[in-house]
């Protein structure tokens, strides 16, 4: 009985020692030791595509109401998010602008939270919808002066982009990227940008 009690005490001490050793190696976040995670664009995809087309509201539809409509296209941006810290970090939000050639055409964001383990890399997919109507308006308003200086029309670029999107035959840029991270009450923002391909 005495040997069994002594054995149980030794096991108890070993468990406490293991717990203390594990806790001693666990680091918590602070302003002084928080290293900003890095966000890099792994690749981009076009998972939904219907070709290039546009029709004005003067064209009567087979069904429904007439309106100015353009071809939809979905793009997905896949990011690698690397946590260089010795503790887990939570991604709270991510936002960026998308440029085709040198024209800003959309702003995308993700409010999905995710934990990134210490020293590991997670992937985040951010989908975005584009259509020729919305992009036409962007080119006609903010991009008008740029188009005029180039001697081009919005239609020149719309056709180029929609026909070339499946092969990424023009540069697609991620700009003004900002990802917000949190750990143990410390909040930091990492900036990022990229070009694909």
N, C-alpha and C. Protein backbone atom coordinates (compact mmCIF):
# COMPACT_ATOMS: atom_id res chain seq x y z
N UNK A 1 0.82 -1.19 0.00
CA UNK A 1 0.00 0.00 0.00
C UNK A 1 0.86 1.25 0.00
N UNK A 2 1.95 1.17 0.79
CA UNK A 2 2.84 2.32 0.89
C UNK A 2 3.56 2.58 -0.43
N UNK A 3 3.96 1.50 -1.12
CA UNK A 3 4.62 1.64 -2.41
C UNK A 3 3.68 2.26 -3.43
N UNK A 4 2.41 1.87 -3.37
CA UNK A 4 1.42 2.40 -4.30
C UNK A 4 1.21 3.90 -4.04
N UNK A 5 1.14 4.33 -2.80
CA UNK A 5 0.97 5.75 -2.47
C UNK A 5 2.17 6.56 -2.94
N UNK A 6 3.38 6.03 -2.71
CA UNK A 6 4.60 6.71 -3.14
C UNK A 6 4.61 6.83 -4.67
N UNK A 7 4.17 5.78 -5.35
CA UNK A 7 4.11 5.79 -6.81
C UNK A 7 3.13 6.87 -7.31
N UNK A 8 1.97 6.98 -6.67
CA UNK A 8 0.97 7.98 -7.05
C UNK A 8 1.49 9.40 -6.82
N UNK A 9 2.24 9.60 -5.73
CA UNK A 9 2.81 10.92 -5.45
C UNK A 9 3.82 11.29 -6.53
N UNK A 10 4.67 10.33 -6.93
CA UNK A 10 5.66 10.58 -7.97
C UNK A 10 5.00 10.93 -9.31
N UNK A 11 3.93 10.22 -9.63
CA UNK A 11 3.19 10.51 -10.87
C UNK A 11 2.60 11.91 -10.80
N UNK A 12 2.07 12.28 -9.64
CA UNK A 12 1.50 13.63 -9.47
C UNK A 12 2.55 14.70 -9.69
N UNK A 13 3.76 14.52 -9.09
CA UNK A 13 4.85 15.48 -9.27
C UNK A 13 5.27 15.59 -10.74
N UNK A 14 5.31 14.45 -11.43
CA UNK A 14 5.71 14.43 -12.84
C UNK A 14 4.68 15.20 -13.68
N UNK A 15 3.41 15.03 -13.37
CA UNK A 15 2.36 15.73 -14.12
C UNK A 15 2.45 17.24 -13.91
N UNK A 16 2.68 17.65 -12.66
CA UNK A 16 2.80 19.09 -12.35
C UNK A 16 4.03 19.66 -13.04
N UNK A 17 5.14 18.92 -13.04
CA UNK A 17 6.37 19.39 -13.69
C UNK A 17 6.15 19.55 -15.20
N UNK A 18 5.45 18.61 -15.79
CA UNK A 18 5.18 18.67 -17.23
C UNK A 18 4.30 19.87 -17.55
N UNK A 19 3.30 20.11 -16.71
CA UNK A 19 2.40 21.25 -16.90
C UNK A 19 3.16 22.56 -16.80
N UNK A 20 4.02 22.69 -15.79
CA UNK A 20 4.79 23.92 -15.61
C UNK A 20 5.78 24.12 -16.74
N UNK A 21 6.39 23.06 -17.21
CA UNK A 21 7.33 23.17 -18.33
C UNK A 21 6.61 23.63 -19.58
N UNK A 22 5.42 23.07 -19.82
CA UNK A 22 4.62 23.48 -20.99
C UNK A 22 4.20 24.92 -20.90
N UNK A 23 3.78 25.37 -19.73
CA UNK A 23 3.35 26.76 -19.56
C UNK A 23 4.52 27.73 -19.70
N UNK A 24 5.69 27.31 -19.25
CA UNK A 24 6.85 28.19 -19.32
C UNK A 24 7.23 28.45 -20.77
N UNK A 25 6.97 27.48 -21.67
CA UNK A 25 7.32 27.65 -23.08
C UNK A 25 6.26 28.40 -23.87
N UNK A 26 5.08 28.65 -23.27
CA UNK A 26 4.02 29.34 -23.97
C UNK A 26 4.20 30.84 -23.83
N UNK A 27 4.28 31.52 -24.96
CA UNK A 27 4.49 32.96 -24.95
C UNK A 27 3.17 33.65 -25.23
N UNK A 28 2.94 34.80 -24.62
CA UNK A 28 1.75 35.59 -24.91
C UNK A 28 2.16 36.83 -25.69
N UNK A 29 1.21 37.37 -26.42
CA UNK A 29 1.48 38.53 -27.28
C UNK A 29 1.60 39.81 -26.46
N UNK A 30 2.49 40.68 -26.92
CA UNK A 30 2.62 42.02 -26.36
C UNK A 30 3.05 42.95 -27.50
N UNK A 31 2.95 44.26 -27.28
CA UNK A 31 3.36 45.21 -28.32
C UNK A 31 4.82 45.02 -28.70
N UNK A 32 5.63 44.60 -27.73
CA UNK A 32 7.07 44.49 -27.99
C UNK A 32 7.46 43.20 -28.73
N UNK A 33 6.67 42.13 -28.59
CA UNK A 33 7.07 40.87 -29.24
C UNK A 33 6.17 40.46 -30.41
N UNK A 34 5.16 41.27 -30.73
CA UNK A 34 4.24 40.93 -31.82
C UNK A 34 4.90 41.26 -33.16
N UNK A 35 5.09 40.22 -33.98
CA UNK A 35 5.62 40.41 -35.33
C UNK A 35 4.46 40.28 -36.31
N UNK A 36 4.31 41.25 -37.19
CA UNK A 36 3.19 41.25 -38.12
C UNK A 36 3.22 40.02 -39.03
N UNK A 37 2.10 39.30 -39.11
CA UNK A 37 2.01 38.21 -40.09
C UNK A 37 2.12 38.77 -41.51
N UNK A 38 2.59 37.93 -42.42
CA UNK A 38 2.72 38.37 -43.82
C UNK A 38 1.59 37.78 -44.66
N UNK A 39 1.11 38.59 -45.59
CA UNK A 39 0.04 38.19 -46.50
C UNK A 39 0.60 38.25 -47.91
N UNK A 40 0.63 37.11 -48.59
CA UNK A 40 1.12 37.06 -49.96
C UNK A 40 0.08 36.38 -50.85
N UNK A 41 -0.02 36.88 -52.07
CA UNK A 41 -0.96 36.28 -53.03
C UNK A 41 -0.34 35.02 -53.61
N UNK A 42 -0.97 33.87 -53.34
CA UNK A 42 -0.49 32.60 -53.87
C UNK A 42 -0.85 32.49 -55.35
N UNK A 43 -2.13 32.74 -55.67
CA UNK A 43 -2.57 32.74 -57.06
C UNK A 43 -3.99 33.30 -57.14
N UNK A 44 -4.45 33.50 -58.37
CA UNK A 44 -5.82 33.94 -58.62
C UNK A 44 -6.46 32.96 -59.60
N UNK A 45 -7.78 32.88 -59.54
CA UNK A 45 -8.53 31.94 -60.39
C UNK A 45 -9.76 32.63 -60.95
N UNK A 46 -10.31 32.07 -62.02
CA UNK A 46 -11.59 32.52 -62.56
C UNK A 46 -12.53 31.31 -62.51
N UNK A 47 -13.24 31.09 -61.37
CA UNK A 47 -14.10 29.91 -61.25
C UNK A 47 -15.45 30.03 -61.97
N UNK A 48 -15.85 31.27 -62.32
CA UNK A 48 -17.14 31.42 -63.03
C UNK A 48 -16.96 32.44 -64.15
N UNK A 49 -17.35 32.03 -65.38
CA UNK A 49 -17.10 32.86 -66.56
C UNK A 49 -18.15 32.55 -67.62
N UNK A 50 -18.73 33.60 -68.20
CA UNK A 50 -19.75 33.40 -69.24
C UNK A 50 -19.36 34.03 -70.57
N UNK A 51 -18.10 34.42 -70.73
CA UNK A 51 -17.67 35.06 -71.96
C UNK A 51 -17.83 36.57 -71.88
N UNK A 52 -17.67 37.22 -73.03
CA UNK A 52 -17.76 38.68 -73.11
C UNK A 52 -19.03 39.08 -73.82
N UNK A 53 -19.89 39.84 -73.16
CA UNK A 53 -21.11 40.37 -73.77
C UNK A 53 -21.63 41.55 -72.96
N UNK A 54 -22.43 42.37 -73.64
CA UNK A 54 -23.06 43.52 -73.00
C UNK A 54 -24.27 43.89 -73.84
N UNK A 55 -25.38 44.23 -73.20
CA UNK A 55 -26.51 44.76 -73.96
C UNK A 55 -27.15 45.90 -73.18
N UNK A 56 -27.61 46.91 -73.93
CA UNK A 56 -28.22 48.09 -73.33
C UNK A 56 -29.70 47.85 -73.08
N UNK A 57 -30.32 48.72 -72.29
CA UNK A 57 -31.73 48.52 -71.94
C UNK A 57 -32.66 48.69 -73.14
N UNK A 58 -32.14 49.23 -74.25
CA UNK A 58 -32.96 49.33 -75.47
C UNK A 58 -33.23 47.95 -76.07
N UNK A 59 -32.44 46.96 -75.69
CA UNK A 59 -32.62 45.60 -76.20
C UNK A 59 -33.66 44.88 -75.33
N UNK A 60 -34.72 44.38 -75.96
CA UNK A 60 -35.78 43.70 -75.21
C UNK A 60 -35.33 42.29 -74.82
N UNK A 61 -35.41 41.97 -73.54
CA UNK A 61 -35.02 40.61 -73.11
C UNK A 61 -36.12 39.60 -73.44
N UNK A 62 -35.74 38.35 -73.51
CA UNK A 62 -36.72 37.29 -73.73
C UNK A 62 -37.70 37.22 -72.56
N UNK A 63 -37.20 37.36 -71.35
CA UNK A 63 -38.02 37.39 -70.15
C UNK A 63 -37.49 38.50 -69.23
N UNK A 64 -38.36 39.04 -68.39
CA UNK A 64 -37.93 40.04 -67.41
C UNK A 64 -37.90 41.44 -67.98
N UNK A 65 -37.34 42.35 -67.20
CA UNK A 65 -37.31 43.76 -67.56
C UNK A 65 -36.02 44.14 -68.28
N UNK A 66 -36.14 45.09 -69.20
CA UNK A 66 -34.96 45.58 -69.91
C UNK A 66 -34.11 46.42 -68.98
N UNK A 67 -32.79 46.31 -69.16
CA UNK A 67 -31.85 47.11 -68.38
C UNK A 67 -30.48 47.00 -69.02
N UNK A 68 -29.56 47.87 -68.58
CA UNK A 68 -28.18 47.76 -69.04
C UNK A 68 -27.53 46.60 -68.28
N UNK A 69 -27.08 45.59 -69.01
CA UNK A 69 -26.51 44.41 -68.37
C UNK A 69 -25.23 43.98 -69.05
N UNK A 70 -24.31 43.39 -68.24
CA UNK A 70 -23.05 42.92 -68.80
C UNK A 70 -22.66 41.57 -68.25
N UNK A 71 -21.73 40.95 -68.92
CA UNK A 71 -21.29 39.60 -68.57
C UNK A 71 -20.70 39.56 -67.17
N UNK A 72 -21.18 38.64 -66.32
CA UNK A 72 -20.59 38.48 -64.99
C UNK A 72 -19.34 37.60 -65.06
N UNK A 73 -18.48 37.80 -64.10
CA UNK A 73 -17.28 36.98 -63.99
C UNK A 73 -16.88 36.94 -62.52
N UNK A 74 -16.57 35.77 -62.03
CA UNK A 74 -16.07 35.65 -60.67
C UNK A 74 -14.57 35.40 -60.71
N UNK A 75 -13.87 36.12 -59.85
CA UNK A 75 -12.45 35.86 -59.64
C UNK A 75 -12.27 35.49 -58.18
N UNK A 76 -11.31 34.65 -57.91
CA UNK A 76 -10.98 34.28 -56.54
C UNK A 76 -9.49 34.54 -56.32
N UNK A 77 -9.19 35.15 -55.19
CA UNK A 77 -7.81 35.47 -54.83
C UNK A 77 -7.43 34.61 -53.63
N UNK A 78 -6.38 33.82 -53.77
CA UNK A 78 -5.98 32.89 -52.71
C UNK A 78 -4.69 33.41 -52.08
N UNK A 79 -4.77 33.71 -50.78
CA UNK A 79 -3.65 34.31 -50.06
C UNK A 79 -3.03 33.31 -49.09
N UNK A 80 -1.70 33.37 -48.95
CA UNK A 80 -0.98 32.65 -47.90
C UNK A 80 -0.77 33.64 -46.76
N UNK A 81 -1.18 33.25 -45.57
CA UNK A 81 -1.04 34.13 -44.40
C UNK A 81 -0.14 33.43 -43.40
N UNK A 82 1.06 33.97 -43.23
CA UNK A 82 2.09 33.33 -42.40
C UNK A 82 2.22 34.04 -41.06
N UNK A 83 2.15 33.25 -39.98
CA UNK A 83 2.30 33.77 -38.63
C UNK A 83 3.72 33.49 -38.14
N UNK A 84 4.57 34.53 -38.01
CA UNK A 84 5.95 34.31 -37.57
C UNK A 84 6.11 34.27 -36.05
N UNK A 85 5.01 34.40 -35.32
CA UNK A 85 5.07 34.48 -33.86
C UNK A 85 5.10 33.10 -33.20
N UNK A 86 5.47 33.10 -31.92
CA UNK A 86 5.51 31.86 -31.13
C UNK A 86 4.19 31.59 -30.42
N UNK A 87 3.15 32.23 -30.88
CA UNK A 87 1.81 32.05 -30.31
C UNK A 87 0.80 32.22 -31.45
N UNK A 88 -0.41 31.67 -31.28
CA UNK A 88 -1.41 31.80 -32.34
C UNK A 88 -1.89 33.24 -32.50
N UNK A 89 -2.26 33.59 -33.71
CA UNK A 89 -2.75 34.93 -34.03
C UNK A 89 -4.05 34.78 -34.80
N UNK A 90 -5.02 35.66 -34.52
CA UNK A 90 -6.31 35.60 -35.20
C UNK A 90 -6.38 36.66 -36.30
N UNK A 91 -6.73 36.24 -37.51
CA UNK A 91 -7.04 37.18 -38.59
C UNK A 91 -8.47 37.65 -38.38
N UNK A 92 -8.65 38.97 -38.23
CA UNK A 92 -9.99 39.51 -38.00
C UNK A 92 -10.67 39.96 -39.28
N UNK A 93 -9.91 40.57 -40.18
CA UNK A 93 -10.49 41.05 -41.44
C UNK A 93 -9.38 41.28 -42.46
N UNK A 94 -9.79 41.32 -43.72
CA UNK A 94 -8.83 41.52 -44.80
C UNK A 94 -9.54 42.29 -45.90
N UNK A 95 -8.87 43.30 -46.47
CA UNK A 95 -9.49 44.14 -47.50
C UNK A 95 -8.42 44.55 -48.50
N UNK A 96 -8.81 44.67 -49.78
CA UNK A 96 -7.86 45.08 -50.81
C UNK A 96 -8.61 45.57 -52.04
N UNK A 97 -7.90 46.32 -52.88
CA UNK A 97 -8.44 46.78 -54.16
C UNK A 97 -7.88 45.90 -55.27
N UNK A 98 -8.65 45.78 -56.35
CA UNK A 98 -8.23 44.99 -57.51
C UNK A 98 -8.06 45.93 -58.69
N UNK A 99 -6.94 45.77 -59.38
CA UNK A 99 -6.68 46.56 -60.58
C UNK A 99 -6.47 45.64 -61.78
N UNK A 100 -7.10 45.99 -62.89
CA UNK A 100 -6.83 45.35 -64.17
C UNK A 100 -5.95 46.34 -64.94
N UNK A 101 -4.80 45.89 -65.42
CA UNK A 101 -3.81 46.81 -65.98
C UNK A 101 -3.56 47.88 -64.91
N UNK A 102 -3.80 49.14 -65.22
CA UNK A 102 -3.58 50.20 -64.22
C UNK A 102 -4.88 50.86 -63.80
N UNK A 103 -5.99 50.16 -63.93
CA UNK A 103 -7.30 50.70 -63.57
C UNK A 103 -7.87 49.96 -62.36
N UNK A 104 -8.26 50.71 -61.34
CA UNK A 104 -8.91 50.08 -60.18
C UNK A 104 -10.34 49.74 -60.56
N UNK A 105 -10.71 48.46 -60.41
CA UNK A 105 -12.03 48.01 -60.87
C UNK A 105 -12.93 47.46 -59.76
N UNK A 106 -12.37 47.20 -58.59
CA UNK A 106 -13.20 46.63 -57.52
C UNK A 106 -12.46 46.70 -56.19
N UNK A 107 -13.21 46.63 -55.10
CA UNK A 107 -12.66 46.51 -53.76
C UNK A 107 -13.29 45.29 -53.12
N UNK A 108 -12.47 44.38 -52.61
CA UNK A 108 -12.96 43.14 -52.02
C UNK A 108 -12.54 43.05 -50.56
N UNK A 109 -13.30 42.28 -49.80
CA UNK A 109 -12.95 42.11 -48.39
C UNK A 109 -13.43 40.76 -47.88
N UNK A 110 -12.87 40.37 -46.75
CA UNK A 110 -13.30 39.16 -46.04
C UNK A 110 -13.39 39.49 -44.56
N UNK A 111 -14.52 39.17 -43.97
CA UNK A 111 -14.71 39.37 -42.53
C UNK A 111 -14.64 38.04 -41.78
N UNK A 112 -14.23 36.99 -42.48
CA UNK A 112 -14.12 35.68 -41.84
C UNK A 112 -12.90 35.66 -40.92
N UNK A 113 -13.12 35.26 -39.67
CA UNK A 113 -12.00 35.18 -38.74
C UNK A 113 -11.39 33.78 -38.81
N UNK A 114 -10.09 33.74 -38.58
CA UNK A 114 -9.41 32.44 -38.54
C UNK A 114 -8.20 32.56 -37.62
N UNK A 115 -7.90 31.47 -36.92
CA UNK A 115 -6.70 31.41 -36.09
C UNK A 115 -5.57 30.80 -36.90
N UNK A 116 -4.40 31.42 -36.83
CA UNK A 116 -3.22 30.91 -37.50
C UNK A 116 -2.26 30.43 -36.42
N UNK A 117 -1.96 29.14 -36.36
CA UNK A 117 -1.09 28.61 -35.30
C UNK A 117 0.30 29.23 -35.35
N UNK A 118 0.99 29.15 -34.23
CA UNK A 118 2.35 29.69 -34.12
C UNK A 118 3.26 29.09 -35.19
N UNK A 119 3.94 29.95 -35.94
CA UNK A 119 4.90 29.51 -36.94
C UNK A 119 4.31 28.83 -38.16
N UNK A 120 2.99 28.91 -38.36
CA UNK A 120 2.34 28.20 -39.47
C UNK A 120 1.78 29.17 -40.50
N UNK A 121 1.35 28.60 -41.64
CA UNK A 121 0.76 29.38 -42.73
C UNK A 121 -0.62 28.82 -43.07
N UNK A 122 -1.62 29.68 -43.08
CA UNK A 122 -2.97 29.31 -43.50
C UNK A 122 -3.24 29.90 -44.88
N UNK A 123 -4.26 29.38 -45.56
CA UNK A 123 -4.70 29.97 -46.82
C UNK A 123 -6.11 30.52 -46.66
N UNK A 124 -6.34 31.64 -47.34
CA UNK A 124 -7.65 32.27 -47.34
C UNK A 124 -8.04 32.56 -48.78
N UNK A 125 -9.25 32.13 -49.17
CA UNK A 125 -9.78 32.40 -50.51
C UNK A 125 -10.79 33.55 -50.40
N UNK A 126 -10.58 34.59 -51.20
CA UNK A 126 -11.49 35.73 -51.22
C UNK A 126 -12.08 35.85 -52.62
N UNK A 127 -13.37 35.51 -52.78
CA UNK A 127 -14.00 35.61 -54.09
C UNK A 127 -14.52 37.02 -54.34
N UNK A 128 -14.62 37.38 -55.61
CA UNK A 128 -15.18 38.67 -55.97
C UNK A 128 -15.92 38.58 -57.29
N UNK A 129 -17.05 39.29 -57.37
CA UNK A 129 -17.83 39.31 -58.62
C UNK A 129 -17.52 40.58 -59.39
N UNK A 130 -17.37 40.42 -60.69
CA UNK A 130 -17.14 41.53 -61.60
C UNK A 130 -18.17 41.40 -62.71
N UNK A 131 -18.56 42.51 -63.31
CA UNK A 131 -19.39 42.43 -64.51
C UNK A 131 -19.05 43.60 -65.42
N UNK A 132 -19.35 43.43 -66.69
CA UNK A 132 -18.94 44.46 -67.65
C UNK A 132 -19.68 45.78 -67.41
N UNK A 133 -20.90 45.75 -66.89
CA UNK A 133 -21.63 47.00 -66.63
C UNK A 133 -20.95 47.80 -65.52
N UNK A 134 -20.70 47.17 -64.40
CA UNK A 134 -20.06 47.86 -63.27
C UNK A 134 -18.68 48.35 -63.65
N UNK A 135 -17.94 47.54 -64.40
CA UNK A 135 -16.59 47.92 -64.80
C UNK A 135 -16.63 49.05 -65.83
N UNK A 136 -17.63 49.04 -66.71
CA UNK A 136 -17.81 50.13 -67.67
C UNK A 136 -18.00 51.45 -66.93
N UNK A 137 -18.86 51.46 -65.91
CA UNK A 137 -19.09 52.69 -65.13
C UNK A 137 -17.82 53.16 -64.44
N UNK A 138 -17.02 52.22 -63.95
CA UNK A 138 -15.74 52.57 -63.31
C UNK A 138 -14.80 53.22 -64.32
N UNK A 139 -14.77 52.69 -65.53
CA UNK A 139 -13.90 53.25 -66.56
C UNK A 139 -14.40 54.62 -67.06
N UNK A 140 -15.72 54.80 -67.08
CA UNK A 140 -16.28 56.05 -67.58
C UNK A 140 -16.15 57.18 -66.57
N UNK A 141 -16.11 56.86 -65.29
CA UNK A 141 -16.04 57.91 -64.27
C UNK A 141 -14.63 58.09 -63.75
N UNK A 142 -14.16 57.27 -62.79
CA UNK A 142 -12.81 57.51 -62.28
C UNK A 142 -11.71 57.36 -63.33
N UNK A 143 -11.91 56.48 -64.32
CA UNK A 143 -10.86 56.21 -65.30
C UNK A 143 -10.91 57.06 -66.56
N UNK A 144 -11.85 58.01 -66.64
CA UNK A 144 -12.06 58.77 -67.88
C UNK A 144 -10.82 59.53 -68.33
N UNK A 145 -10.17 60.23 -67.43
CA UNK A 145 -9.00 61.03 -67.80
C UNK A 145 -7.85 60.13 -68.26
N UNK A 146 -7.70 59.02 -67.57
CA UNK A 146 -6.63 58.07 -67.92
C UNK A 146 -6.86 57.49 -69.32
N UNK A 147 -8.11 57.15 -69.62
CA UNK A 147 -8.46 56.64 -70.94
C UNK A 147 -8.20 57.68 -72.03
N UNK A 148 -8.60 58.92 -71.75
CA UNK A 148 -8.41 59.99 -72.72
C UNK A 148 -6.94 60.19 -73.03
N UNK A 149 -6.10 60.16 -72.00
CA UNK A 149 -4.65 60.33 -72.19
C UNK A 149 -4.06 59.19 -73.02
N UNK A 150 -4.69 58.02 -72.94
CA UNK A 150 -4.20 56.85 -73.68
C UNK A 150 -4.79 56.77 -75.08
N UNK A 151 -5.82 57.58 -75.36
CA UNK A 151 -6.49 57.51 -76.66
C UNK A 151 -7.31 56.24 -76.82
N UNK A 152 -7.86 55.74 -75.71
CA UNK A 152 -8.63 54.50 -75.73
C UNK A 152 -10.06 54.75 -75.26
N UNK A 153 -10.94 53.80 -75.55
CA UNK A 153 -12.31 53.85 -75.05
C UNK A 153 -12.48 52.77 -73.98
N UNK A 154 -13.53 52.86 -73.15
CA UNK A 154 -13.77 51.80 -72.17
C UNK A 154 -13.95 50.43 -72.83
N UNK A 155 -14.53 50.41 -74.02
CA UNK A 155 -14.80 49.14 -74.70
C UNK A 155 -13.52 48.42 -75.09
N UNK A 156 -12.47 49.19 -75.38
CA UNK A 156 -11.18 48.57 -75.72
C UNK A 156 -10.71 47.68 -74.57
N UNK A 157 -10.81 48.21 -73.36
CA UNK A 157 -10.32 47.47 -72.19
C UNK A 157 -11.29 46.38 -71.75
N UNK A 158 -12.59 46.66 -71.82
CA UNK A 158 -13.56 45.63 -71.42
C UNK A 158 -13.38 44.36 -72.24
N UNK A 159 -13.26 44.52 -73.55
CA UNK A 159 -13.08 43.35 -74.42
C UNK A 159 -11.77 42.64 -74.10
N UNK A 160 -10.70 43.42 -73.93
CA UNK A 160 -9.40 42.82 -73.61
C UNK A 160 -9.46 42.03 -72.31
N UNK A 161 -10.07 42.61 -71.27
CA UNK A 161 -10.10 41.97 -69.96
C UNK A 161 -11.00 40.74 -69.93
N UNK A 162 -12.21 40.88 -70.51
CA UNK A 162 -13.14 39.75 -70.42
C UNK A 162 -12.70 38.58 -71.30
N UNK A 163 -12.10 38.88 -72.44
CA UNK A 163 -11.63 37.79 -73.28
C UNK A 163 -10.32 37.20 -72.76
N UNK A 164 -9.53 38.01 -72.07
CA UNK A 164 -8.24 37.53 -71.58
C UNK A 164 -8.23 37.02 -70.16
N UNK A 165 -9.33 37.18 -69.43
CA UNK A 165 -9.36 36.81 -68.01
C UNK A 165 -9.09 35.32 -67.75
N UNK A 166 -9.68 34.40 -68.49
CA UNK A 166 -9.43 32.98 -68.18
C UNK A 166 -7.95 32.59 -68.25
N UNK A 167 -7.18 33.28 -69.11
CA UNK A 167 -5.75 32.98 -69.26
C UNK A 167 -4.87 33.98 -68.51
N UNK A 168 -5.48 34.96 -67.85
CA UNK A 168 -4.73 36.03 -67.18
C UNK A 168 -3.69 36.61 -68.14
N UNK A 169 -4.17 37.03 -69.32
CA UNK A 169 -3.27 37.58 -70.33
C UNK A 169 -2.98 39.07 -70.11
N UNK A 170 -3.44 39.62 -69.01
CA UNK A 170 -3.14 40.99 -68.62
C UNK A 170 -2.85 40.97 -67.12
N UNK A 171 -2.10 41.96 -66.62
CA UNK A 171 -1.77 41.94 -65.19
C UNK A 171 -2.96 42.30 -64.31
N UNK A 172 -3.16 41.49 -63.29
CA UNK A 172 -4.16 41.75 -62.25
C UNK A 172 -3.40 42.06 -60.97
N UNK A 173 -3.68 43.22 -60.39
CA UNK A 173 -2.95 43.63 -59.20
C UNK A 173 -3.86 43.70 -57.98
N UNK A 174 -3.29 43.35 -56.86
CA UNK A 174 -3.91 43.53 -55.55
C UNK A 174 -3.19 44.71 -54.92
N UNK A 175 -3.92 45.77 -54.60
CA UNK A 175 -3.30 46.97 -54.04
C UNK A 175 -4.02 47.41 -52.77
N UNK A 176 -3.37 48.28 -52.02
CA UNK A 176 -3.95 48.87 -50.80
C UNK A 176 -4.48 47.79 -49.85
N UNK A 177 -3.80 46.65 -49.80
CA UNK A 177 -4.23 45.55 -48.95
C UNK A 177 -3.97 45.85 -47.48
N UNK A 178 -4.92 45.48 -46.65
CA UNK A 178 -4.78 45.65 -45.20
C UNK A 178 -5.44 44.46 -44.50
N UNK A 179 -4.67 43.76 -43.68
CA UNK A 179 -5.18 42.62 -42.90
C UNK A 179 -5.02 42.94 -41.43
N UNK A 180 -6.08 42.78 -40.66
CA UNK A 180 -6.06 43.09 -39.23
C UNK A 180 -5.93 41.81 -38.43
N UNK A 181 -4.94 41.78 -37.53
CA UNK A 181 -4.65 40.60 -36.71
C UNK A 181 -4.77 40.95 -35.23
N UNK A 182 -5.10 39.93 -34.43
CA UNK A 182 -5.25 40.13 -32.99
C UNK A 182 -4.70 38.93 -32.24
N UNK A 183 -4.04 39.23 -31.11
CA UNK A 183 -3.57 38.17 -30.21
C UNK A 183 -3.43 38.75 -28.81
N UNK A 184 -4.10 38.14 -27.84
CA UNK A 184 -4.02 38.57 -26.43
C UNK A 184 -4.26 40.06 -26.26
N UNK A 185 -5.22 40.61 -26.99
CA UNK A 185 -5.56 42.03 -26.85
C UNK A 185 -4.71 42.97 -27.68
N UNK A 186 -3.66 42.47 -28.32
CA UNK A 186 -2.81 43.29 -29.19
C UNK A 186 -3.39 43.22 -30.61
N UNK A 187 -3.58 44.37 -31.23
CA UNK A 187 -4.13 44.43 -32.58
C UNK A 187 -3.12 45.11 -33.50
N UNK A 188 -2.84 44.48 -34.63
CA UNK A 188 -1.88 45.03 -35.60
C UNK A 188 -2.47 44.88 -37.01
N UNK A 189 -2.04 45.77 -37.91
CA UNK A 189 -2.48 45.72 -39.30
C UNK A 189 -1.26 45.49 -40.19
N UNK A 190 -1.38 44.51 -41.08
CA UNK A 190 -0.31 44.23 -42.05
C UNK A 190 -0.76 44.71 -43.43
N UNK A 191 0.08 45.48 -44.09
CA UNK A 191 -0.20 45.91 -45.45
C UNK A 191 0.33 44.88 -46.45
N UNK A 192 -0.27 44.82 -47.63
CA UNK A 192 0.20 43.89 -48.65
C UNK A 192 -0.21 44.35 -50.03
N UNK A 193 0.52 43.92 -51.04
CA UNK A 193 0.18 44.16 -52.43
C UNK A 193 0.81 43.05 -53.26
N UNK A 194 0.30 42.85 -54.47
CA UNK A 194 0.83 41.78 -55.32
C UNK A 194 0.36 42.00 -56.75
N UNK A 195 1.00 41.29 -57.66
CA UNK A 195 0.59 41.30 -59.07
C UNK A 195 0.53 39.85 -59.54
N UNK A 196 -0.50 39.55 -60.33
CA UNK A 196 -0.66 38.19 -60.86
C UNK A 196 -1.01 38.26 -62.33
N UNK A 197 -0.44 37.47 -63.21
CA UNK A 197 0.60 36.49 -62.90
C UNK A 197 1.96 37.17 -62.76
